[in-house]
C-alpha atoms as a PDB file:
ATOM      1  CA  UNK A   1      53.484  85.916 280.921  1.00  0.00           C
ATOM      2  CA  UNK A   2      55.427  88.893 282.155  1.00  0.00           C
ATOM      3  CA  UNK A   3      59.115  88.945 282.980  1.00  0.00           C
ATOM      4  CA  UNK A   4      61.322  91.670 284.425  1.00  0.00           C
ATOM      5  CA  UNK A   5      64.848  92.309 283.186  1.00  0.00           C
ATOM      6  CA  UNK A   6      67.051  91.931 286.251  1.00  0.00           C
ATOM      7  CA  UNK A   7      70.441  92.460 284.600  1.00  0.00           C
ATOM      8  CA  UNK A   8      72.511  91.903 281.500  1.00  0.00           C
ATOM      9  CA  UNK A   9      75.365  89.400 281.412  1.00  0.00           C
ATOM     10  CA  UNK A  10      77.242  89.510 278.138  1.00  0.00           C
ATOM     11  CA  UNK A  11      74.921  88.465 275.329  1.00  0.00           C
ATOM     12  CA  UNK A  12      72.093  87.462 277.704  1.00  0.00           C
ATOM     13  CA  UNK A  13      69.541  89.167 279.891  1.00  0.00           C
ATOM     14  CA  UNK A  14      68.689  87.568 283.206  1.00  0.00           C
ATOM     15  CA  UNK A  15      64.938  87.941 283.676  1.00  0.00           C
ATOM     16  CA  UNK A  16      62.764  87.345 286.713  1.00  0.00           C
ATOM     17  CA  UNK A  17      59.843  85.056 286.006  1.00  0.00           C
ATOM     18  CA  UNK A  18      56.461  85.533 287.680  1.00  0.00           C
ATOM     19  CA  UNK A  19      56.817  82.262 289.608  1.00  0.00           C
ATOM     20  CA  UNK A  20      59.918  83.549 291.376  1.00  0.00           C
ATOM     21  CA  UNK A  21      62.665  81.993 289.293  1.00  0.00           C
ATOM     22  CA  UNK A  22      65.025  83.479 286.761  1.00  0.00           C
ATOM     23  CA  UNK A  23      65.920  82.626 283.189  1.00  0.00           C
ATOM     24  CA  UNK A  24      68.436  83.746 280.586  1.00  0.00           C
ATOM     25  CA  UNK A  25      67.153  85.284 277.366  1.00  0.00           C
ATOM     26  CA  UNK A  26      69.365  86.043 274.385  1.00  0.00           C
ATOM     27  CA  UNK A  27      69.829  89.804 274.255  1.00  0.00           C
ATOM     28  CA  UNK A  28      69.319  89.767 270.481  1.00  0.00           C
ATOM     29  CA  UNK A  29      65.586  88.923 270.849  1.00  0.00           C
ATOM     30  CA  UNK A  30      64.902  91.881 273.143  1.00  0.00           C
ATOM     31  CA  UNK A  31      63.975  95.363 271.926  1.00  0.00           C
ATOM     32  CA  UNK A  32      67.111  97.450 271.314  1.00  0.00           C
ATOM     33  CA  UNK A  33      66.164  99.957 273.998  1.00  0.00           C
ATOM     34  CA  UNK A  34      65.408  97.352 276.701  1.00  0.00           C
ATOM     35  CA  UNK A  35      67.048  98.097 280.031  1.00  0.00           C
ATOM     36  CA  UNK A  36      67.236  96.721 283.557  1.00  0.00           C
ATOM     37  CA  UNK A  37      63.905  96.946 285.334  1.00  0.00           C
ATOM     38  CA  UNK A  38      61.826  96.855 282.143  1.00  0.00           C
ATOM     39  CA  UNK A  39      58.785  94.594 282.171  1.00  0.00           C
ATOM     40  CA  UNK A  40      58.358  92.415 279.083  1.00  0.00           C
ATOM     41  CA  UNK A  41      55.236  90.565 278.073  1.00  0.00           C
ATOM     42  CA  UNK A  42      55.448  87.247 276.233  1.00  0.00           C
ATOM     43  CA  UNK A  43      52.311  86.148 274.388  1.00  0.00           C
ATOM     44  CA  UNK A  44      51.310  83.334 272.089  1.00  0.00           C
ATOM     45  CA  UNK A  45      49.890  84.726 268.862  1.00  0.00           C
ATOM     46  CA  UNK A  46      47.339  81.965 268.220  1.00  0.00           C
ATOM     47  CA  UNK A  47      46.151  83.272 264.860  1.00  0.00           C
ATOM     48  CA  UNK A  48      49.704  83.586 263.521  1.00  0.00           C
ATOM     49  CA  UNK A  49      50.615  80.152 264.899  1.00  0.00           C
ATOM     50  CA  UNK A  50      47.608  78.570 263.198  1.00  0.00           C
ATOM     51  CA  UNK A  51      48.490  80.241 259.874  1.00  0.00           C
ATOM     52  CA  UNK A  52      52.053  78.893 260.068  1.00  0.00           C
ATOM     53  CA  UNK A  53      50.816  75.377 260.854  1.00  0.00           C
ATOM     54  CA  UNK A  54      48.403  75.473 257.919  1.00  0.00           C
ATOM     55  CA  UNK A  55      51.131  76.710 255.557  1.00  0.00           C
ATOM     56  CA  UNK A  56      53.566  74.016 256.715  1.00  0.00           C
ATOM     57  CA  UNK A  57      50.886  71.360 256.320  1.00  0.00           C
ATOM     58  CA  UNK A  58      50.102  72.625 252.802  1.00  0.00           C
ATOM     59  CA  UNK A  59      53.803  72.545 251.880  1.00  0.00           C
ATOM     60  CA  UNK A  60      54.261  69.056 253.302  1.00  0.00           C
ATOM     61  CA  UNK A  61      51.220  67.812 251.383  1.00  0.00           C
ATOM     62  CA  UNK A  62      52.678  69.201 248.159  1.00  0.00           C
ATOM     63  CA  UNK A  63      56.017  67.486 248.823  1.00  0.00           C
ATOM     64  CA  UNK A  64      54.421  64.089 249.449  1.00  0.00           C
ATOM     65  CA  UNK A  65      51.962  64.182 246.531  1.00  0.00           C
ATOM     66  CA  UNK A  66      52.668  61.557 243.946  1.00  0.00           C
END
């Protein structure tokens, strides 16, 4: 998904979403040099997500072992 930074309001950036709406994003999660008009791409990192799920499952299994 791609979003465009429309403007900054305090600690948030107002971004335009591809479907025509807008959303607020915390400024702290954006690159430091982000500015109005920049296009950002948001992706799901499937491999990283799967690794985290496996690690959490492993940790939970170790907690519940008797």
